[in-house]
Amino acid sequence: MMNWWDKNFASCELGDERLSNRAYA
């Protein structure tokens, strides 16, 4: 689990869901 990643994406929750999914994959 990446906390810093979640925090960074949490601010830009415009549609990076798929990007986040790829990062976690």
N, C-alpha and C. Protein backbone atom coordinates (compact mmCIF):
# COMPACT_ATOMS: atom_id res chain seq x y z
N MET A 1 0.84 -1.22 0.00
CA MET A 1 0.00 0.00 0.00
C MET A 1 0.87 1.26 0.00
N MET A 2 0.58 2.13 -0.91
CA MET A 2 1.38 3.36 -0.99
C MET A 2 0.59 4.54 -0.43
N ASN A 3 0.98 5.00 0.73
CA ASN A 3 0.29 6.13 1.36
C ASN A 3 0.51 7.41 0.57
N TRP A 4 1.75 7.70 0.25
CA TRP A 4 2.06 8.93 -0.48
C TRP A 4 1.34 8.94 -1.83
N TRP A 5 1.23 7.77 -2.42
CA TRP A 5 0.56 7.67 -3.72
C TRP A 5 -0.92 8.02 -3.58
N ASP A 6 -1.55 7.40 -2.58
CA ASP A 6 -2.97 7.63 -2.32
C ASP A 6 -3.21 9.11 -2.04
N LYS A 7 -2.31 9.71 -1.28
CA LYS A 7 -2.45 11.12 -0.91
C LYS A 7 -2.35 12.00 -2.15
N ASN A 8 -1.39 11.68 -3.00
CA ASN A 8 -1.17 12.45 -4.22
C ASN A 8 -2.38 12.35 -5.15
N PHE A 9 -2.88 11.14 -5.29
CA PHE A 9 -4.02 10.92 -6.18
C PHE A 9 -5.31 11.44 -5.57
N ALA A 10 -5.38 11.40 -4.25
CA ALA A 10 -6.58 11.86 -3.55
C ALA A 10 -6.86 13.31 -3.92
N SER A 11 -5.80 14.08 -4.15
CA SER A 11 -5.96 15.49 -4.49
C SER A 11 -6.40 15.65 -5.94
N CYS A 12 -5.99 14.71 -6.77
CA CYS A 12 -6.34 14.77 -8.20
C CYS A 12 -7.30 13.65 -8.56
N GLU A 13 -8.39 13.57 -7.84
CA GLU A 13 -9.37 12.51 -8.10
C GLU A 13 -10.31 12.92 -9.23
N LEU A 14 -9.73 13.30 -10.37
CA LEU A 14 -10.54 13.75 -11.50
C LEU A 14 -10.86 12.60 -12.44
N GLY A 15 -10.11 11.51 -12.30
CA GLY A 15 -10.34 10.38 -13.20
C GLY A 15 -9.07 9.56 -13.34
N ASP A 16 -8.24 9.58 -12.31
CA ASP A 16 -6.98 8.82 -12.35
C ASP A 16 -7.19 7.45 -11.73
N GLU A 17 -8.44 7.03 -11.67
CA GLU A 17 -8.74 5.73 -11.05
C GLU A 17 -8.02 4.62 -11.79
N ARG A 18 -8.10 4.65 -13.12
CA ARG A 18 -7.44 3.63 -13.93
C ARG A 18 -5.93 3.73 -13.77
N LEU A 19 -5.43 4.94 -13.62
CA LEU A 19 -4.00 5.13 -13.43
C LEU A 19 -3.58 4.53 -12.09
N SER A 20 -4.39 4.79 -11.09
CA SER A 20 -4.12 4.27 -9.75
C SER A 20 -4.12 2.75 -9.79
N ASN A 21 -5.08 2.21 -10.51
CA ASN A 21 -5.19 0.75 -10.62
C ASN A 21 -3.93 0.17 -11.23
N ARG A 22 -3.42 0.85 -12.23
CA ARG A 22 -2.21 0.38 -12.92
C ARG A 22 -1.01 0.45 -11.97
N ALA A 23 -0.96 1.50 -11.19
CA ALA A 23 0.15 1.69 -10.25
C ALA A 23 0.13 0.60 -9.19
N TYR A 24 -1.07 0.21 -8.80
CA TYR A 24 -1.19 -0.82 -7.76
C TYR A 24 -0.94 -2.20 -8.33
N ALA A 25 -1.25 -2.36 -9.60
CA ALA A 25 -1.08 -3.67 -10.25
C ALA A 25 0.38 -4.10 -10.18
